[in-house]
Amino acid sequence: MKDDFENAHHYFDKSLEPVKKYNVLIFFNTYTYLANLEEKKGNRQKALVYYHKSLANIKKVGDRNATRRRYKYLADHYRSYNWEMTSLKNMS
């Protein structure tokens, strides 16, 4: 069962269903976990999209400490892969 990425992704997606259904405001951790999962799978681009979604939710709810941590995750991600900073718009 180690590295059962598909199953993990399935359950993360399921965890977002009530978020959408009940308009839950705070869900950035789920996107962070999805980013980590995609990074382990080698999908760096997809991981970056999830990191940005996480950051957007953090900013919306106004969690300054989480904002700082998420920017660190993003900086580490860019540094690890020697990517230049690009906007999420260019990622799509």
PDB file of N, CA and C in Angstrom:
ATOM      1  N   MET A   1       0.810  -1.198   0.000  1.00  0.00           N
ATOM      2  CA  MET A   1       0.000   0.000   0.000  1.00  0.00           C
ATOM      3  C   MET A   1       0.855   1.265   0.000  1.00  0.00           C
ATOM      4  N   LYS A   2       2.157   1.113   0.222  1.00  0.00           N
ATOM      5  CA  LYS A   2       3.028   2.276   0.230  1.00  0.00           C
ATOM      6  C   LYS A   2       2.960   2.973  -1.127  1.00  0.00           C
ATOM      7  N   ASP A   3       2.912   4.286  -1.086  1.00  0.00           N
ATOM      8  CA  ASP A   3       2.854   5.104  -2.300  1.00  0.00           C
ATOM      9  C   ASP A   3       1.604   4.835  -3.124  1.00  0.00           C
ATOM     10  N   ASP A   4       0.469   4.624  -2.472  1.00  0.00           N
ATOM     11  CA  ASP A   4      -0.797   4.438  -3.172  1.00  0.00           C
ATOM     12  C   ASP A   4      -1.365   5.819  -3.490  1.00  0.00           C
ATOM     13  N   PHE A   5      -0.736   6.466  -4.483  1.00  0.00           N
ATOM     14  CA  PHE A   5      -1.058   7.842  -4.809  1.00  0.00           C
ATOM     15  C   PHE A   5      -2.487   8.027  -5.310  1.00  0.00           C
ATOM     16  N   GLU A   6      -2.945   7.109  -6.136  1.00  0.00           N
ATOM     17  CA  GLU A   6      -4.291   7.241  -6.697  1.00  0.00           C
ATOM     18  C   GLU A   6      -5.345   7.201  -5.595  1.00  0.00           C
ATOM     19  N   ASN A   7      -5.189   6.279  -4.673  1.00  0.00           N
ATOM     20  CA  ASN A   7      -6.128   6.162  -3.571  1.00  0.00           C
ATOM     21  C   ASN A   7      -6.078   7.417  -2.695  1.00  0.00           C
ATOM     22  N   ALA A   8      -4.889   7.901  -2.420  1.00  0.00           N
ATOM     23  CA  ALA A   8      -4.736   9.113  -1.606  1.00  0.00           C
ATOM     24  C   ALA A   8      -5.398  10.298  -2.298  1.00  0.00           C
ATOM     25  N   HIS A   9      -5.163  10.438  -3.598  1.00  0.00           N
ATOM     26  CA  HIS A   9      -5.744  11.550  -4.349  1.00  0.00           C
ATOM     27  C   HIS A   9      -7.268  11.462  -4.319  1.00  0.00           C
ATOM     28  N   HIS A  10      -7.788  10.262  -4.448  1.00  0.00           N
ATOM     29  CA  HIS A  10      -9.236  10.044  -4.413  1.00  0.00           C
ATOM     30  C   HIS A  10      -9.831  10.571  -3.099  1.00  0.00           C
ATOM     31  N   TYR A  11      -9.192  10.248  -1.987  1.00  0.00           N
ATOM     32  CA  TYR A  11      -9.717  10.673  -0.692  1.00  0.00           C
ATOM     33  C   TYR A  11      -9.539  12.169  -0.452  1.00  0.00           C
ATOM     34  N   PHE A  12      -8.471  12.753  -0.974  1.00  0.00           N
ATOM     35  CA  PHE A  12      -8.326  14.199  -0.878  1.00  0.00           C
ATOM     36  C   PHE A  12      -9.426  14.890  -1.680  1.00  0.00           C
ATOM     37  N   ASP A  13      -9.705  14.361  -2.880  1.00  0.00           N
ATOM     38  CA  ASP A  13     -10.792  14.926  -3.684  1.00  0.00           C
ATOM     39  C   ASP A  13     -12.125  14.812  -2.952  1.00  0.00           C
ATOM     40  N   LYS A  14     -12.357  13.661  -2.323  1.00  0.00           N
ATOM     41  CA  LYS A  14     -13.597  13.472  -1.566  1.00  0.00           C
ATOM     42  C   LYS A  14     -13.690  14.462  -0.410  1.00  0.00           C
ATOM     43  N   SER A  15     -12.555  14.796   0.184  1.00  0.00           N
ATOM     44  CA  SER A  15     -12.584  15.737   1.309  1.00  0.00           C
ATOM     45  C   SER A  15     -12.960  17.142   0.856  1.00  0.00           C
ATOM     46  N   LEU A  16     -12.798  17.434  -0.431  1.00  0.00           N
ATOM     47  CA  LEU A  16     -13.174  18.750  -0.947  1.00  0.00           C
ATOM     48  C   LEU A  16     -14.667  18.842  -1.261  1.00  0.00           C
ATOM     49  N   GLU A  17     -15.349  17.705  -1.396  1.00  0.00           N
ATOM     50  CA  GLU A  17     -16.781  17.720  -1.708  1.00  0.00           C
ATOM     51  C   GLU A  17     -17.597  18.486  -0.662  1.00  0.00           C
ATOM     52  N   PRO A  18     -17.451  18.177   0.640  1.00  0.00           N
ATOM     53  CA  PRO A  18     -18.230  18.953   1.626  1.00  0.00           C
ATOM     54  C   PRO A  18     -17.798  20.420   1.696  1.00  0.00           C
ATOM     55  N   VAL A  19     -16.550  20.684   1.365  1.00  0.00           N
ATOM     56  CA  VAL A  19     -16.068  22.065   1.347  1.00  0.00           C
ATOM     57  C   VAL A  19     -16.898  22.860   0.347  1.00  0.00           C
ATOM     58  N   LYS A  20     -17.082  22.284  -0.831  1.00  0.00           N
ATOM     59  CA  LYS A  20     -17.866  22.959  -1.866  1.00  0.00           C
ATOM     60  C   LYS A  20     -19.354  22.960  -1.516  1.00  0.00           C
ATOM     61  N   LYS A  21     -19.849  21.821  -1.048  1.00  0.00           N
ATOM     62  CA  LYS A  21     -21.268  21.682  -0.760  1.00  0.00           C
ATOM     63  C   LYS A  21     -21.730  22.636   0.344  1.00  0.00           C
ATOM     64  N   TYR A  22     -20.940  22.750   1.412  1.00  0.00           N
ATOM     65  CA  TYR A  22     -21.334  23.555   2.562  1.00  0.00           C
ATOM     66  C   TYR A  22     -20.620  24.899   2.647  1.00  0.00           C
ATOM     67  N   ASN A  23     -19.919  25.247   1.573  1.00  0.00           N
ATOM     68  CA  ASN A  23     -19.227  26.529   1.495  1.00  0.00           C
ATOM     69  C   ASN A  23     -18.286  26.758   2.684  1.00  0.00           C
ATOM     70  N   VAL A  24     -17.486  25.747   2.984  1.00  0.00           N
ATOM     71  CA  VAL A  24     -16.497  25.837   4.065  1.00  0.00           C
ATOM     72  C   VAL A  24     -15.417  26.834   3.650  1.00  0.00           C
ATOM     73  N   LEU A  25     -15.057  27.716   4.553  1.00  0.00           N
ATOM     74  CA  LEU A  25     -14.117  28.778   4.209  1.00  0.00           C
ATOM     75  C   LEU A  25     -12.652  28.365   4.280  1.00  0.00           C
ATOM     76  N   ILE A  26     -12.303  27.497   5.217  1.00  0.00           N
ATOM     77  CA  ILE A  26     -10.890  27.166   5.433  1.00  0.00           C
ATOM     78  C   ILE A  26     -10.620  25.741   4.970  1.00  0.00           C
ATOM     79  N   PHE A  27      -9.842  25.626   3.882  1.00  0.00           N
ATOM     80  CA  PHE A  27      -9.521  24.308   3.332  1.00  0.00           C
ATOM     81  C   PHE A  27      -8.129  24.258   2.717  1.00  0.00           C
ATOM     82  N   PHE A  28      -7.297  25.221   3.078  1.00  0.00           N
ATOM     83  CA  PHE A  28      -5.978  25.314   2.461  1.00  0.00           C
ATOM     84  C   PHE A  28      -5.089  24.107   2.731  1.00  0.00           C
ATOM     85  N   ASN A  29      -5.261  23.451   3.870  1.00  0.00           N
ATOM     86  CA  ASN A  29      -4.421  22.285   4.164  1.00  0.00           C
ATOM     87  C   ASN A  29      -4.646  21.158   3.167  1.00  0.00           C
ATOM     88  N   THR A  30      -5.878  20.981   2.732  1.00  0.00           N
ATOM     89  CA  THR A  30      -6.155  19.935   1.745  1.00  0.00           C
ATOM     90  C   THR A  30      -5.382  20.206   0.465  1.00  0.00           C
ATOM     91  N   TYR A  31      -5.378  21.462   0.013  1.00  0.00           N
ATOM     92  CA  TYR A  31      -4.609  21.789  -1.194  1.00  0.00           C
ATOM     93  C   TYR A  31      -3.108  21.614  -0.966  1.00  0.00           C
ATOM     94  N   THR A  32      -2.645  21.903   0.227  1.00  0.00           N
ATOM     95  CA  THR A  32      -1.224  21.700   0.520  1.00  0.00           C
ATOM     96  C   THR A  32      -0.881  20.213   0.463  1.00  0.00           C
ATOM     97  N   TYR A  33      -1.741  19.375   1.036  1.00  0.00           N
ATOM     98  CA  TYR A  33      -1.505  17.931   0.986  1.00  0.00           C
ATOM     99  C   TYR A  33      -1.558  17.416  -0.446  1.00  0.00           C
ATOM    100  N   LEU A  34      -2.477  17.936  -1.250  1.00  0.00           N
ATOM    101  CA  LEU A  34      -2.529  17.551  -2.665  1.00  0.00           C
ATOM    102  C   LEU A  34      -1.251  17.980  -3.381  1.00  0.00           C
ATOM    103  N   ALA A  35      -0.747  19.154  -3.046  1.00  0.00           N
ATOM    104  CA  ALA A  35       0.522  19.617  -3.640  1.00  0.00           C
ATOM    105  C   ALA A  35       1.656  18.678  -3.267  1.00  0.00           C
ATOM    106  N   ASN A  36       1.726  18.302  -1.993  1.00  0.00           N
ATOM    107  CA  ASN A  36       2.774  17.376  -1.547  1.00  0.00           C
ATOM    108  C   ASN A  36       2.665  16.036  -2.268  1.00  0.00           C
ATOM    109  N   LEU A  37       1.432  15.565  -2.411  1.00  0.00           N
ATOM    110  CA  LEU A  37       1.192  14.297  -3.104  1.00  0.00           C
ATOM    111  C   LEU A  37       1.664  14.375  -4.555  1.00  0.00           C
ATOM    112  N   GLU A  38       1.284  15.442  -5.239  1.00  0.00           N
ATOM    113  CA  GLU A  38       1.690  15.594  -6.647  1.00  0.00           C
ATOM    114  C   GLU A  38       3.209  15.729  -6.779  1.00  0.00           C
ATOM    115  N   GLU A  39       3.811  16.390  -5.815  1.00  0.00           N
ATOM    116  CA  GLU A  39       5.271  16.523  -5.844  1.00  0.00           C
ATOM    117  C   GLU A  39       5.937  15.152  -5.700  1.00  0.00           C
ATOM    118  N   LYS A  40       5.418  14.319  -4.815  1.00  0.00           N
ATOM    119  CA  LYS A  40       5.974  12.972  -4.648  1.00  0.00           C
ATOM    120  C   LYS A  40       5.769  12.120  -5.899  1.00  0.00           C
ATOM    121  N   LYS A  41       4.688  12.390  -6.620  1.00  0.00           N
ATOM    122  CA  LYS A  41       4.420  11.661  -7.861  1.00  0.00           C
ATOM    123  C   LYS A  41       5.290  12.172  -9.009  1.00  0.00           C
ATOM    124  N   GLY A  42       5.954  13.313  -8.790  1.00  0.00           N
ATOM    125  CA  GLY A  42       6.797  13.886  -9.837  1.00  0.00           C
ATOM    126  C   GLY A  42       6.080  14.901 -10.709  1.00  0.00           C
ATOM    127  N   ASN A  43       4.853  15.245 -10.341  1.00  0.00           N
ATOM    128  CA  ASN A  43       4.077  16.230 -11.099  1.00  0.00           C
ATOM    129  C   ASN A  43       4.310  17.622 -10.519  1.00  0.00           C
ATOM    130  N   ARG A  44       5.455  18.184 -10.821  1.00  0.00           N
ATOM    131  CA  ARG A  44       5.840  19.464 -10.232  1.00  0.00           C
ATOM    132  C   ARG A  44       4.894  20.595 -10.615  1.00  0.00           C
ATOM    133  N   GLN A  45       4.478  20.606 -11.859  1.00  0.00           N
ATOM    134  CA  GLN A  45       3.584  21.659 -12.339  1.00  0.00           C
ATOM    135  C   GLN A  45       2.244  21.620 -11.600  1.00  0.00           C
ATOM    136  N   LYS A  46       1.687  20.418 -11.460  1.00  0.00           N
ATOM    137  CA  LYS A  46       0.415  20.258 -10.770  1.00  0.00           C
ATOM    138  C   LYS A  46       0.567  20.610  -9.285  1.00  0.00           C
ATOM    139  N   ALA A  47       1.697  20.237  -8.692  1.00  0.00           N
ATOM    140  CA  ALA A  47       1.957  20.580  -7.291  1.00  0.00           C
ATOM    141  C   ALA A  47       1.948  22.095  -7.115  1.00  0.00           C
ATOM    142  N   LEU A  48       2.554  22.784  -8.037  1.00  0.00           N
ATOM    143  CA  LEU A  48       2.622  24.239  -7.970  1.00  0.00           C
ATOM    144  C   LEU A  48       1.225  24.861  -8.030  1.00  0.00           C
ATOM    145  N   VAL A  49       0.367  24.314  -8.867  1.00  0.00           N
ATOM    146  CA  VAL A  49      -1.007  24.808  -8.956  1.00  0.00           C
ATOM    147  C   VAL A  49      -1.707  24.647  -7.610  1.00  0.00           C
ATOM    148  N   TYR A  50      -1.538  23.498  -6.972  1.00  0.00           N
ATOM    149  CA  TYR A  50      -2.166  23.269  -5.659  1.00  0.00           C
ATOM    150  C   TYR A  50      -1.580  24.183  -4.586  1.00  0.00           C
ATOM    151  N   TYR A  51      -0.271  24.440  -4.624  1.00  0.00           N
ATOM    152  CA  TYR A  51       0.326  25.369  -3.667  1.00  0.00           C
ATOM    153  C   TYR A  51      -0.294  26.764  -3.817  1.00  0.00           C
ATOM    154  N   HIS A  52      -0.497  27.178  -5.069  1.00  0.00           N
ATOM    155  CA  HIS A  52      -1.099  28.487  -5.310  1.00  0.00           C
ATOM    156  C   HIS A  52      -2.561  28.522  -4.846  1.00  0.00           C
ATOM    157  N   LYS A  53      -3.304  27.431  -5.048  1.00  0.00           N
ATOM    158  CA  LYS A  53      -4.690  27.373  -4.572  1.00  0.00           C
ATOM    159  C   LYS A  53      -4.727  27.450  -3.044  1.00  0.00           C
ATOM    160  N   SER A  54      -3.795  26.772  -2.412  1.00  0.00           N
ATOM    161  CA  SER A  54      -3.700  26.817  -0.960  1.00  0.00           C
ATOM    162  C   SER A  54      -3.434  28.240  -0.486  1.00  0.00           C
ATOM    163  N   LEU A  55      -2.491  28.892  -1.127  1.00  0.00           N
ATOM    164  CA  LEU A  55      -2.141  30.263  -0.763  1.00  0.00           C
ATOM    165  C   LEU A  55      -3.333  31.203  -0.966  1.00  0.00           C
ATOM    166  N   ALA A  56      -4.060  31.026  -2.043  1.00  0.00           N
ATOM    167  CA  ALA A  56      -5.232  31.881  -2.301  1.00  0.00           C
ATOM    168  C   ALA A  56      -6.263  31.735  -1.182  1.00  0.00           C
ATOM    169  N   ASN A  57      -6.492  30.507  -0.719  1.00  0.00           N
ATOM    170  CA  ASN A  57      -7.450  30.300   0.358  1.00  0.00           C
ATOM    171  C   ASN A  57      -6.939  30.901   1.661  1.00  0.00           C
ATOM    172  N   ILE A  58      -5.666  30.759   1.912  1.00  0.00           N
ATOM    173  CA  ILE A  58      -5.081  31.325   3.136  1.00  0.00           C
ATOM    174  C   ILE A  58      -5.254  32.838   3.155  1.00  0.00           C
ATOM    175  N   LYS A  59      -4.982  33.479   2.025  1.00  0.00           N
ATOM    176  CA  LYS A  59      -5.128  34.932   1.958  1.00  0.00           C
ATOM    177  C   LYS A  59      -6.588  35.336   2.160  1.00  0.00           C
ATOM    178  N   LYS A  60      -7.485  34.542   1.595  1.00  0.00           N
ATOM    179  CA  LYS A  60      -8.916  34.856   1.719  1.00  0.00           C
ATOM    180  C   LYS A  60      -9.374  34.821   3.176  1.00  0.00           C
ATOM    181  N   VAL A  61      -8.870  33.855   3.943  1.00  0.00           N
ATOM    182  CA  VAL A  61      -9.293  33.750   5.342  1.00  0.00           C
ATOM    183  C   VAL A  61      -8.431  34.607   6.275  1.00  0.00           C
ATOM    184  N   GLY A  62      -7.346  35.160   5.757  1.00  0.00           N
ATOM    185  CA  GLY A  62      -6.535  36.094   6.526  1.00  0.00           C
ATOM    186  C   GLY A  62      -5.614  35.480   7.557  1.00  0.00           C
ATOM    187  N   ASP A  63      -5.136  34.273   7.319  1.00  0.00           N
ATOM    188  CA  ASP A  63      -4.223  33.615   8.259  1.00  0.00           C
ATOM    189  C   ASP A  63      -2.787  34.020   7.909  1.00  0.00           C
ATOM    190  N   ARG A  64      -2.269  34.980   8.636  1.00  0.00           N
ATOM    191  CA  ARG A  64      -0.947  35.525   8.311  1.00  0.00           C
ATOM    192  C   ARG A  64       0.176  34.515   8.531  1.00  0.00           C
ATOM    193  N   ASN A  65       0.101  33.716   9.583  1.00  0.00           N
ATOM    194  CA  ASN A  65       1.144  32.724   9.834  1.00  0.00           C
ATOM    195  C   ASN A  65       1.158  31.665   8.734  1.00  0.00           C
ATOM    196  N   ALA A  66      -0.014  31.206   8.347  1.00  0.00           N
ATOM    197  CA  ALA A  66      -0.090  30.212   7.271  1.00  0.00           C
ATOM    198  C   ALA A  66       0.368  30.812   5.951  1.00  0.00           C
ATOM    199  N   THR A  67       0.092  32.097   5.728  1.00  0.00           N
ATOM    200  CA  THR A  67       0.553  32.767   4.500  1.00  0.00           C
ATOM    201  C   THR A  67       2.070  32.720   4.425  1.00  0.00           C
ATOM    202  N   ARG A  68       2.694  33.040   5.539  1.00  0.00           N
ATOM    203  CA  ARG A  68       4.165  33.027   5.582  1.00  0.00           C
ATOM    204  C   ARG A  68       4.716  31.628   5.283  1.00  0.00           C
ATOM    205  N   ARG A  69       4.108  30.617   5.893  1.00  0.00           N
ATOM    206  CA  ARG A  69       4.570  29.234   5.669  1.00  0.00           C
ATOM    207  C   ARG A  69       4.361  28.801   4.221  1.00  0.00           C
ATOM    208  N   ARG A  70       3.232  29.196   3.647  1.00  0.00           N
ATOM    209  CA  ARG A  70       2.944  28.784   2.275  1.00  0.00           C
ATOM    210  C   ARG A  70       3.912  29.434   1.295  1.00  0.00           C
ATOM    211  N   TYR A  71       4.247  30.704   1.541  1.00  0.00           N
ATOM    212  CA  TYR A  71       5.251  31.346   0.690  1.00  0.00           C
ATOM    213  C   TYR A  71       6.589  30.622   0.809  1.00  0.00           C
ATOM    214  N   LYS A  72       6.905  30.125   1.991  1.00  0.00           N
ATOM    215  CA  LYS A  72       8.136  29.350   2.158  1.00  0.00           C
ATOM    216  C   LYS A  72       8.065  28.066   1.337  1.00  0.00           C
ATOM    217  N   TYR A  73       6.917  27.363   1.376  1.00  0.00           N
ATOM    218  CA  TYR A  73       6.754  26.151   0.555  1.00  0.00           C
ATOM    219  C   TYR A  73       6.967  26.477  -0.921  1.00  0.00           C
ATOM    220  N   LEU A  74       6.354  27.580  -1.354  1.00  0.00           N
ATOM    221  CA  LEU A  74       6.496  27.965  -2.758  1.00  0.00           C
ATOM    222  C   LEU A  74       7.942  28.298  -3.106  1.00  0.00           C
ATOM    223  N   ALA A  75       8.596  29.050  -2.244  1.00  0.00           N
ATOM    224  CA  ALA A  75       9.999  29.405  -2.492  1.00  0.00           C
ATOM    225  C   ALA A  75      10.867  28.147  -2.554  1.00  0.00           C
ATOM    226  N   ASP A  76      10.636  27.225  -1.621  1.00  0.00           N
ATOM    227  CA  ASP A  76      11.393  25.972  -1.632  1.00  0.00           C
ATOM    228  C   ASP A  76      11.123  25.179  -2.907  1.00  0.00           C
ATOM    229  N   HIS A  77       9.869  25.164  -3.322  1.00  0.00           N
ATOM    230  CA  HIS A  77       9.495  24.433  -4.539  1.00  0.00           C
ATOM    231  C   HIS A  77      10.210  25.031  -5.751  1.00  0.00           C
ATOM    232  N   TYR A  78      10.139  26.348  -5.904  1.00  0.00           N
ATOM    233  CA  TYR A  78      10.811  27.002  -7.030  1.00  0.00           C
ATOM    234  C   TYR A  78      12.317  26.776  -6.968  1.00  0.00           C
ATOM    235  N   ARG A  79      12.887  26.901  -5.777  1.00  0.00           N
ATOM    236  CA  ARG A  79      14.326  26.730  -5.622  1.00  0.00           C
ATOM    237  C   ARG A  79      14.747  25.290  -5.944  1.00  0.00           C
ATOM    238  N   SER A  80      13.963  24.330  -5.497  1.00  0.00           N
ATOM    239  CA  SER A  80      14.283  22.924  -5.724  1.00  0.00           C
ATOM    240  C   SER A  80      14.332  22.580  -7.202  1.00  0.00           C
ATOM    241  N   TYR A  81      13.485  23.211  -7.960  1.00  0.00           N
ATOM    242  CA  TYR A  81      13.392  22.872  -9.380  1.00  0.00           C
ATOM    243  C   TYR A  81      13.954  23.966 -10.278  1.00  0.00           C
ATOM    244  N   ASN A  82      14.624  24.949  -9.657  1.00  0.00           N
ATOM    245  CA  ASN A  82      15.257  26.036 -10.402  1.00  0.00           C
ATOM    246  C   ASN A  82      14.293  26.697 -11.386  1.00  0.00           C
ATOM    247  N   TRP A  83      13.082  26.894 -10.933  1.00  0.00           N
ATOM    248  CA  TRP A  83      12.087  27.561 -11.762  1.00  0.00           C
ATOM    249  C   TRP A  83      12.102  29.043 -11.470  1.00  0.00           C
ATOM    250  N   GLU A  84      11.782  29.810 -12.472  1.00  0.00           N
ATOM    251  CA  GLU A  84      11.604  31.228 -12.248  1.00  0.00           C
ATOM    252  C   GLU A  84      10.189  31.442 -11.735  1.00  0.00           C
ATOM    253  N   MET A  85      10.008  32.490 -10.965  1.00  0.00           N
ATOM    254  CA  MET A  85       8.672  32.791 -10.452  1.00  0.00           C
ATOM    255  C   MET A  85       7.762  33.150 -11.625  1.00  0.00           C
ATOM    256  N   THR A  86       6.660  32.416 -11.741  1.00  0.00           N
ATOM    257  CA  THR A  86       5.673  32.720 -12.771  1.00  0.00           C
ATOM    258  C   THR A  86       4.313  32.781 -12.100  1.00  0.00           C
ATOM    259  N   SER A  87       3.412  33.475 -12.720  1.00  0.00           N
ATOM    260  CA  SER A  87       2.092  33.592 -12.128  1.00  0.00           C
ATOM    261  C   SER A  87       1.284  32.330 -12.384  1.00  0.00           C
ATOM    262  N   LEU A  88       0.283  32.112 -11.589  1.00  0.00           N
ATOM    263  CA  LEU A  88      -0.612  30.972 -11.758  1.00  0.00           C
ATOM    264  C   LEU A  88      -1.289  31.045 -13.106  1.00  0.00           C
ATOM    265  N   LYS A  89      -1.533  32.252 -13.596  1.00  0.00           N
ATOM    266  CA  LYS A  89      -2.178  32.413 -14.887  1.00  0.00           C
ATOM    267  C   LYS A  89      -1.341  31.752 -15.993  1.00  0.00           C
ATOM    268  N   ASN A  90      -0.032  31.859 -15.891  1.00  0.00           N
ATOM    269  CA  ASN A  90       0.846  31.265 -16.894  1.00  0.00           C
ATOM    270  C   ASN A  90       0.961  29.756 -16.737  1.00  0.00           C
ATOM    271  N   MET A  91       0.504  29.228 -15.610  1.00  0.00           N
ATOM    272  CA  MET A  91       0.608  27.804 -15.347  1.00  0.00           C
ATOM    273  C   MET A  91      -0.468  27.017 -16.075  1.00  0.00           C
ATOM    274  N   SER A  92      -1.593  27.631 -16.334  1.00  0.00           N
ATOM    275  CA  SER A  92      -2.736  26.908 -16.899  1.00  0.00           C
ATOM    276  C   SER A  92      -2.537  26.562 -18.354  1.00  0.00           C
TER     277      SER A  92
END
